[in-house]
N, C-alpha and C. Protein backbone atom coordinates (compact mmCIF):
# COMPACT_ATOMS: atom_id res chain seq x y z
N MET A 1 75.31 109.81 56.58
CA MET A 1 74.40 110.10 55.50
C MET A 1 73.00 109.56 55.75
N GLY A 2 72.91 108.53 56.58
CA GLY A 2 71.60 108.05 56.96
C GLY A 2 70.91 107.15 55.97
N HIS A 3 71.51 106.86 54.81
CA HIS A 3 70.85 106.05 53.81
C HIS A 3 70.91 104.56 54.11
N ALA A 4 71.78 104.12 55.00
CA ALA A 4 71.97 102.69 55.24
C ALA A 4 71.06 102.15 56.33
N GLU A 5 70.09 102.92 56.77
CA GLU A 5 69.25 102.49 57.88
C GLU A 5 68.50 101.21 57.58
N ARG A 6 68.02 101.03 56.36
CA ARG A 6 67.37 99.79 55.97
C ARG A 6 67.53 99.62 54.47
N GLN A 7 67.41 98.40 54.03
CA GLN A 7 67.52 98.11 52.60
C GLN A 7 66.30 98.66 51.87
N LEU A 8 66.50 99.01 50.62
CA LEU A 8 65.37 99.42 49.80
C LEU A 8 64.52 98.20 49.46
N ASP A 9 63.21 98.39 49.38
CA ASP A 9 62.38 97.28 48.93
C ASP A 9 62.43 97.24 47.40
N GLU A 10 61.84 96.23 46.81
CA GLU A 10 61.92 96.02 45.36
C GLU A 10 61.37 97.20 44.57
N ASP A 11 60.23 97.76 45.00
CA ASP A 11 59.65 98.90 44.30
C ASP A 11 60.56 100.12 44.37
N GLU A 12 61.11 100.39 45.55
CA GLU A 12 62.00 101.54 45.71
C GLU A 12 63.23 101.40 44.81
N ARG A 13 63.83 100.23 44.83
CA ARG A 13 65.04 99.99 44.02
C ARG A 13 64.71 100.11 42.53
N THR A 14 63.61 99.52 42.09
CA THR A 14 63.23 99.56 40.68
C THR A 14 63.02 101.00 40.21
N LEU A 15 62.31 101.79 41.01
CA LEU A 15 62.07 103.18 40.66
C LEU A 15 63.38 103.97 40.62
N LEU A 16 64.20 103.82 41.63
CA LEU A 16 65.46 104.55 41.69
C LEU A 16 66.36 104.21 40.50
N GLU A 17 66.39 102.96 40.09
CA GLU A 17 67.23 102.55 38.97
C GLU A 17 66.79 103.15 37.64
N LEU A 18 65.52 103.55 37.53
CA LEU A 18 65.03 104.17 36.30
C LEU A 18 65.34 105.66 36.20
N LEU A 19 65.72 106.27 37.30
CA LEU A 19 66.00 107.71 37.29
C LEU A 19 67.40 107.98 36.75
N PRO A 20 67.56 109.07 35.98
CA PRO A 20 68.88 109.39 35.43
C PRO A 20 69.95 109.49 36.52
N ALA A 21 71.10 108.88 36.26
CA ALA A 21 72.19 108.83 37.24
C ALA A 21 72.77 110.20 37.54
N ASP A 22 72.63 111.15 36.62
CA ASP A 22 73.25 112.46 36.80
C ASP A 22 72.41 113.43 37.61
N GLY A 23 71.26 112.98 38.10
CA GLY A 23 70.42 113.84 38.92
C GLY A 23 69.43 114.68 38.13
N SER A 24 69.42 114.53 36.81
CA SER A 24 68.43 115.27 36.02
C SER A 24 67.06 114.63 36.23
N GLY A 25 66.03 115.40 35.95
CA GLY A 25 64.67 114.96 36.22
C GLY A 25 64.11 114.02 35.17
N ALA A 26 63.17 113.22 35.60
CA ALA A 26 62.41 112.35 34.71
C ALA A 26 60.94 112.61 34.98
N ALA A 27 60.16 112.78 33.93
CA ALA A 27 58.74 113.04 34.09
C ALA A 27 58.06 111.86 34.75
N SER A 28 57.25 112.14 35.75
CA SER A 28 56.54 111.09 36.47
C SER A 28 55.72 110.22 35.53
N GLU A 29 55.04 110.84 34.57
CA GLU A 29 54.20 110.07 33.65
C GLU A 29 55.04 109.08 32.84
N GLY A 30 56.22 109.51 32.39
CA GLY A 30 57.09 108.63 31.62
C GLY A 30 57.60 107.47 32.45
N ILE A 31 58.01 107.76 33.68
CA ILE A 31 58.50 106.71 34.58
C ILE A 31 57.37 105.73 34.90
N LEU A 32 56.21 106.27 35.19
CA LEU A 32 55.05 105.43 35.52
C LEU A 32 54.73 104.50 34.35
N GLY A 33 54.80 105.02 33.13
CA GLY A 33 54.55 104.19 31.95
C GLY A 33 55.57 103.08 31.78
N ARG A 34 56.84 103.39 32.07
CA ARG A 34 57.90 102.37 31.95
C ARG A 34 57.76 101.30 33.02
N LEU A 35 57.28 101.68 34.20
CA LEU A 35 57.13 100.73 35.29
C LEU A 35 55.92 99.81 35.11
N GLY A 36 54.86 100.35 34.51
CA GLY A 36 53.63 99.59 34.38
C GLY A 36 52.85 99.47 35.67
N TRP A 37 53.10 100.37 36.62
CA TRP A 37 52.43 100.36 37.91
C TRP A 37 51.21 101.27 37.86
N ASP A 38 50.31 101.10 38.83
CA ASP A 38 49.23 102.07 38.98
C ASP A 38 49.79 103.28 39.73
N ALA A 39 49.07 104.39 39.67
CA ALA A 39 49.55 105.65 40.24
C ALA A 39 49.77 105.55 41.76
N GLU A 40 48.94 104.79 42.44
CA GLU A 40 49.07 104.67 43.89
C GLU A 40 50.36 103.95 44.29
N ARG A 41 50.69 102.88 43.60
CA ARG A 41 51.93 102.14 43.89
C ARG A 41 53.14 103.03 43.64
N TYR A 42 53.10 103.75 42.52
CA TYR A 42 54.19 104.66 42.18
C TYR A 42 54.34 105.75 43.25
N ALA A 43 53.22 106.35 43.66
CA ALA A 43 53.26 107.42 44.66
C ALA A 43 53.82 106.92 45.99
N ARG A 44 53.45 105.70 46.39
CA ARG A 44 53.96 105.15 47.65
C ARG A 44 55.48 104.98 47.58
N ALA A 45 55.99 104.45 46.47
CA ALA A 45 57.44 104.27 46.32
C ALA A 45 58.15 105.62 46.31
N CYS A 46 57.59 106.62 45.63
CA CYS A 46 58.18 107.96 45.59
C CYS A 46 58.26 108.56 46.99
N VAL A 47 57.18 108.47 47.73
CA VAL A 47 57.14 109.04 49.07
C VAL A 47 58.18 108.37 49.97
N ARG A 48 58.28 107.05 49.91
CA ARG A 48 59.27 106.35 50.74
C ARG A 48 60.69 106.78 50.37
N LEU A 49 60.98 106.90 49.07
CA LEU A 49 62.31 107.32 48.64
C LEU A 49 62.58 108.77 49.03
N GLU A 50 61.57 109.63 48.96
CA GLU A 50 61.74 111.02 49.39
C GLU A 50 62.02 111.10 50.88
N GLU A 51 61.27 110.33 51.67
CA GLU A 51 61.47 110.33 53.12
C GLU A 51 62.87 109.88 53.50
N ARG A 52 63.44 108.99 52.72
CA ARG A 52 64.78 108.46 53.00
C ARG A 52 65.88 109.31 52.39
N GLY A 53 65.53 110.33 51.61
CA GLY A 53 66.54 111.22 51.05
C GLY A 53 67.16 110.75 49.75
N TYR A 54 66.52 109.83 49.05
CA TYR A 54 67.06 109.33 47.79
C TYR A 54 66.57 110.12 46.58
N VAL A 55 65.36 110.64 46.63
CA VAL A 55 64.81 111.38 45.50
C VAL A 55 64.15 112.67 45.98
N GLN A 56 63.97 113.55 45.03
CA GLN A 56 63.16 114.75 45.22
C GLN A 56 62.20 114.81 44.05
N SER A 57 61.10 115.48 44.25
CA SER A 57 60.16 115.61 43.14
C SER A 57 59.67 117.04 43.06
N GLY A 58 59.34 117.41 41.83
CA GLY A 58 58.83 118.75 41.57
C GLY A 58 57.35 118.84 41.90
N GLN A 59 56.78 119.94 41.54
CA GLN A 59 55.38 120.20 41.83
C GLN A 59 54.54 120.09 40.55
N GLY A 60 53.24 120.02 40.73
CA GLY A 60 52.34 120.05 39.59
C GLY A 60 51.99 118.68 39.08
N ARG A 61 51.14 118.69 38.08
CA ARG A 61 50.60 117.47 37.51
C ARG A 61 51.66 116.61 36.82
N ALA A 62 52.52 117.24 36.05
CA ALA A 62 53.55 116.51 35.30
C ALA A 62 54.89 116.61 36.02
N LYS A 63 54.85 116.49 37.33
CA LYS A 63 56.06 116.70 38.12
C LYS A 63 57.20 115.76 37.71
N ALA A 64 58.39 116.28 37.86
CA ALA A 64 59.59 115.49 37.59
C ALA A 64 60.10 114.90 38.89
N VAL A 65 60.72 113.74 38.77
CA VAL A 65 61.36 113.08 39.90
C VAL A 65 62.82 112.93 39.56
N TYR A 66 63.69 113.17 40.54
CA TYR A 66 65.11 113.07 40.28
C TYR A 66 65.84 112.59 41.52
N ARG A 67 67.02 111.99 41.29
CA ARG A 67 67.85 111.54 42.41
C ARG A 67 68.28 112.76 43.21
N ASP A 68 68.25 112.64 44.51
CA ASP A 68 68.71 113.71 45.40
C ASP A 68 70.20 113.54 45.62
N LEU A 69 70.99 114.29 44.86
CA LEU A 69 72.44 114.17 44.93
C LEU A 69 73.07 115.07 45.99
N THR A 70 72.26 115.67 46.86
CA THR A 70 72.83 116.56 47.88
C THR A 70 73.76 115.82 48.84
N ALA A 71 73.60 114.50 48.99
CA ALA A 71 74.49 113.73 49.87
C ALA A 71 75.78 113.34 49.17
N VAL A 72 75.89 113.67 47.88
CA VAL A 72 77.09 113.33 47.10
C VAL A 72 77.93 114.59 46.97
N PRO A 73 79.21 114.54 47.36
CA PRO A 73 80.07 115.73 47.23
C PRO A 73 80.07 116.25 45.78
N HIS A 74 80.15 117.57 45.64
CA HIS A 74 80.04 118.23 44.34
C HIS A 74 80.96 117.67 43.27
N GLU A 75 82.21 117.36 43.63
CA GLU A 75 83.16 116.94 42.60
C GLU A 75 82.78 115.60 41.97
N PHE A 76 81.97 114.79 42.66
CA PHE A 76 81.58 113.48 42.14
C PHE A 76 80.35 113.54 41.25
N ARG A 77 79.50 114.52 41.41
CA ARG A 77 78.20 114.55 40.74
C ARG A 77 78.27 114.43 39.23
N PRO A 78 79.18 115.15 38.55
CA PRO A 78 79.23 115.00 37.08
C PRO A 78 79.66 113.61 36.62
N ALA A 79 80.27 112.82 37.49
CA ALA A 79 80.75 111.48 37.12
C ALA A 79 79.74 110.38 37.42
N CYS A 80 78.67 110.68 38.13
CA CYS A 80 77.69 109.66 38.49
C CYS A 80 77.14 108.98 37.24
N GLY A 81 77.29 107.66 37.20
CA GLY A 81 76.78 106.90 36.06
C GLY A 81 77.54 107.10 34.77
N ARG A 82 78.75 107.62 34.84
CA ARG A 82 79.53 107.90 33.64
C ARG A 82 80.92 107.26 33.71
N PRO A 83 81.02 105.94 33.42
CA PRO A 83 82.33 105.29 33.41
C PRO A 83 83.28 106.04 32.47
N GLY A 84 84.54 106.09 32.84
CA GLY A 84 85.53 106.81 32.04
C GLY A 84 85.73 108.26 32.47
N SER A 85 84.83 108.75 33.33
CA SER A 85 84.97 110.11 33.85
C SER A 85 86.14 110.15 34.82
N ARG A 86 86.60 111.38 35.11
CA ARG A 86 87.70 111.58 36.05
C ARG A 86 87.24 112.54 37.14
N VAL A 87 87.62 112.21 38.37
CA VAL A 87 87.27 113.05 39.52
C VAL A 87 88.52 113.28 40.34
N THR A 88 88.79 114.55 40.66
CA THR A 88 89.83 114.87 41.62
C THR A 88 89.15 115.01 42.98
N VAL A 89 89.47 114.08 43.87
CA VAL A 89 88.86 114.05 45.20
C VAL A 89 89.44 115.20 46.01
N ARG A 90 88.59 115.94 46.69
CA ARG A 90 89.04 117.12 47.42
C ARG A 90 89.20 116.88 48.92
N GLN A 91 88.42 115.96 49.47
CA GLN A 91 88.48 115.72 50.91
C GLN A 91 88.33 114.23 51.18
N VAL A 92 89.21 113.70 52.03
CA VAL A 92 89.14 112.29 52.41
C VAL A 92 89.18 112.17 53.92
N PRO A 93 88.65 111.12 54.49
CA PRO A 93 87.95 110.04 53.80
C PRO A 93 86.56 110.49 53.36
N VAL A 94 86.06 109.83 52.32
CA VAL A 94 84.73 110.12 51.81
C VAL A 94 84.10 108.83 51.33
N THR A 95 82.81 108.69 51.58
CA THR A 95 82.05 107.55 51.08
C THR A 95 80.93 108.08 50.20
N VAL A 96 80.82 107.51 49.01
CA VAL A 96 79.78 107.91 48.06
C VAL A 96 78.79 106.74 47.94
N PRO A 97 77.51 106.98 48.30
CA PRO A 97 76.52 105.91 48.25
C PRO A 97 76.20 105.50 46.81
N HIS A 98 76.37 104.23 46.50
CA HIS A 98 76.17 103.71 45.15
C HIS A 98 74.75 103.93 44.63
N LEU A 99 73.77 103.80 45.51
CA LEU A 99 72.38 103.97 45.05
C LEU A 99 72.11 105.37 44.53
N LEU A 100 72.86 106.34 45.00
CA LEU A 100 72.70 107.70 44.51
C LEU A 100 73.65 108.03 43.37
N CYS A 101 74.84 107.46 43.40
CA CYS A 101 75.88 107.83 42.44
C CYS A 101 76.75 106.61 42.13
N ASP A 102 76.56 106.05 40.94
CA ASP A 102 77.34 104.89 40.51
C ASP A 102 78.68 105.38 39.96
N LEU A 103 79.76 105.08 40.65
CA LEU A 103 81.10 105.51 40.23
C LEU A 103 81.88 104.40 39.53
N THR A 104 81.24 103.30 39.21
CA THR A 104 81.91 102.19 38.54
C THR A 104 82.61 102.67 37.27
N GLY A 105 83.91 102.36 37.15
CA GLY A 105 84.67 102.73 35.96
C GLY A 105 85.18 104.15 35.95
N VAL A 106 84.97 104.90 37.03
CA VAL A 106 85.41 106.29 37.13
C VAL A 106 86.83 106.33 37.72
N THR A 107 87.68 107.17 37.16
CA THR A 107 89.03 107.35 37.68
C THR A 107 89.01 108.41 38.76
N LEU A 108 89.48 108.04 39.95
CA LEU A 108 89.55 108.95 41.08
C LEU A 108 91.01 109.27 41.36
N SER A 109 91.32 110.52 41.64
CA SER A 109 92.69 110.88 42.00
C SER A 109 92.66 111.85 43.17
N TYR A 110 93.79 111.88 43.88
CA TYR A 110 93.95 112.82 44.99
C TYR A 110 95.31 113.46 44.77
N PRO A 111 95.39 114.80 44.76
CA PRO A 111 96.65 115.49 44.44
C PRO A 111 97.85 114.95 45.24
N GLY A 112 98.88 114.56 44.48
CA GLY A 112 100.10 114.08 45.09
C GLY A 112 100.07 112.64 45.57
N HIS A 113 98.94 111.96 45.38
CA HIS A 113 98.79 110.60 45.88
C HIS A 113 98.27 109.63 44.83
N GLY A 114 98.37 109.99 43.58
CA GLY A 114 97.99 109.06 42.52
C GLY A 114 96.50 108.95 42.31
N GLY A 115 96.13 107.86 41.66
CA GLY A 115 94.73 107.65 41.33
C GLY A 115 94.41 106.18 41.22
N ALA A 116 93.14 105.88 41.08
CA ALA A 116 92.66 104.51 40.93
C ALA A 116 91.31 104.55 40.22
N VAL A 117 91.01 103.48 39.51
CA VAL A 117 89.72 103.35 38.84
C VAL A 117 88.81 102.52 39.73
N VAL A 118 87.58 102.98 39.90
CA VAL A 118 86.60 102.21 40.67
C VAL A 118 86.31 100.94 39.87
N PRO A 119 86.56 99.77 40.47
CA PRO A 119 86.46 98.52 39.72
C PRO A 119 85.03 98.15 39.35
N PHE A 120 84.90 97.41 38.25
CA PHE A 120 83.58 96.92 37.84
C PHE A 120 83.09 95.84 38.79
N PRO A 121 83.86 94.79 39.08
CA PRO A 121 83.40 93.87 40.12
C PRO A 121 83.64 94.53 41.48
N ALA A 122 82.82 94.22 42.44
CA ALA A 122 82.89 94.89 43.74
C ALA A 122 84.04 94.37 44.60
N HIS A 123 85.20 94.99 44.48
CA HIS A 123 86.30 94.72 45.39
C HIS A 123 87.22 95.93 45.42
N GLY A 124 88.02 96.03 46.47
CA GLY A 124 88.85 97.21 46.68
C GLY A 124 90.10 97.22 45.83
N VAL A 125 90.62 98.40 45.58
CA VAL A 125 91.88 98.57 44.87
C VAL A 125 92.70 99.62 45.60
N ALA A 126 93.99 99.66 45.34
CA ALA A 126 94.85 100.69 45.90
C ALA A 126 95.99 100.92 44.93
N ASN A 127 96.67 102.05 45.06
CA ASN A 127 97.86 102.23 44.24
C ASN A 127 99.03 102.60 45.13
N SER A 128 100.21 102.61 44.54
CA SER A 128 101.43 102.77 45.33
C SER A 128 101.63 104.17 45.90
N LYS A 129 100.88 105.14 45.43
CA LYS A 129 101.05 106.49 45.94
C LYS A 129 100.11 106.82 47.09
N GLY A 130 99.31 105.86 47.53
CA GLY A 130 98.55 106.07 48.75
C GLY A 130 97.05 106.20 48.66
N ILE A 131 96.48 106.35 47.47
CA ILE A 131 95.01 106.43 47.41
C ILE A 131 94.45 105.02 47.48
N GLN A 132 93.41 104.84 48.29
CA GLN A 132 92.72 103.56 48.38
C GLN A 132 91.25 103.77 48.04
N VAL A 133 90.75 102.90 47.19
CA VAL A 133 89.35 102.91 46.81
C VAL A 133 88.77 101.57 47.24
N GLN A 134 87.82 101.62 48.15
CA GLN A 134 87.20 100.39 48.65
C GLN A 134 85.74 100.38 48.23
N VAL A 135 85.31 99.29 47.61
CA VAL A 135 83.92 99.13 47.20
C VAL A 135 83.29 98.10 48.13
N ASP A 136 82.25 98.50 48.84
CA ASP A 136 81.57 97.59 49.75
C ASP A 136 80.89 96.49 48.93
N ALA A 137 81.16 95.24 49.26
CA ALA A 137 80.64 94.11 48.50
C ALA A 137 79.12 94.00 48.55
N ARG A 138 78.50 94.51 49.59
CA ARG A 138 77.05 94.42 49.72
C ARG A 138 76.34 95.61 49.10
N THR A 139 76.76 96.82 49.46
CA THR A 139 76.05 98.03 49.02
C THR A 139 76.64 98.65 47.77
N LEU A 140 77.89 98.31 47.44
CA LEU A 140 78.66 98.90 46.34
C LEU A 140 79.01 100.36 46.60
N ASP A 141 78.81 100.84 47.84
CA ASP A 141 79.25 102.19 48.20
C ASP A 141 80.76 102.27 48.04
N VAL A 142 81.26 103.42 47.59
CA VAL A 142 82.68 103.61 47.35
C VAL A 142 83.26 104.50 48.45
N THR A 143 84.31 104.01 49.12
CA THR A 143 85.00 104.79 50.15
C THR A 143 86.41 105.07 49.66
N ILE A 144 86.80 106.34 49.71
CA ILE A 144 88.13 106.76 49.27
C ILE A 144 88.89 107.26 50.49
N THR A 145 90.10 106.70 50.68
CA THR A 145 91.00 107.15 51.73
C THR A 145 92.37 107.36 51.11
N VAL A 146 93.21 108.11 51.81
CA VAL A 146 94.57 108.35 51.35
C VAL A 146 95.50 108.13 52.53
N SER A 147 96.51 107.28 52.34
CA SER A 147 97.48 107.06 53.40
C SER A 147 98.62 108.05 53.23
N GLY A 148 99.31 108.32 54.33
CA GLY A 148 100.47 109.20 54.28
C GLY A 148 100.16 110.68 54.33
N LEU A 149 98.91 111.04 54.61
CA LEU A 149 98.58 112.46 54.75
C LEU A 149 99.04 112.93 56.12
N SER A 150 99.69 114.07 56.17
CA SER A 150 100.11 114.60 57.48
C SER A 150 98.92 115.29 58.11
N ARG A 151 98.77 115.06 59.39
CA ARG A 151 97.69 115.71 60.14
C ARG A 151 98.19 117.02 60.70
N LYS A 152 97.43 118.07 60.47
CA LYS A 152 97.79 119.38 61.01
C LYS A 152 97.12 119.55 62.36
N ALA A 153 97.91 120.02 63.34
CA ALA A 153 97.38 120.20 64.69
C ALA A 153 96.66 121.51 64.82
């Protein structure tokens, strides 16, 4: 996915955290007002996040900025930032970057292999039917694997 190349700086992280988790847009003027930054500082953070693939922005004076969820598999997108949501995982192994999609409190399942809830504190969980959910302690990225899957030749 390429997002782990370097850590986000404070401005990048602050801006990203203000954007809606579901990938919907936020007006640049509104975000800028909430941040209390000047336009140049805001533009620099936006450009860096765009270059790294974390955000996209619209055109025009009142352009919207939104999280770029293209690196997040489709089945996870509706659950981003929505604890209590349910996702049926379609392909494993898969890693979902936390900075783009917070899956904390989301129930993940894989057909025939049970399910697990992404834990609130950052640590891994597993269930007896073979699904494993691992949360990276540093990045909070969620990796889902399933044991006991037969490999087709």
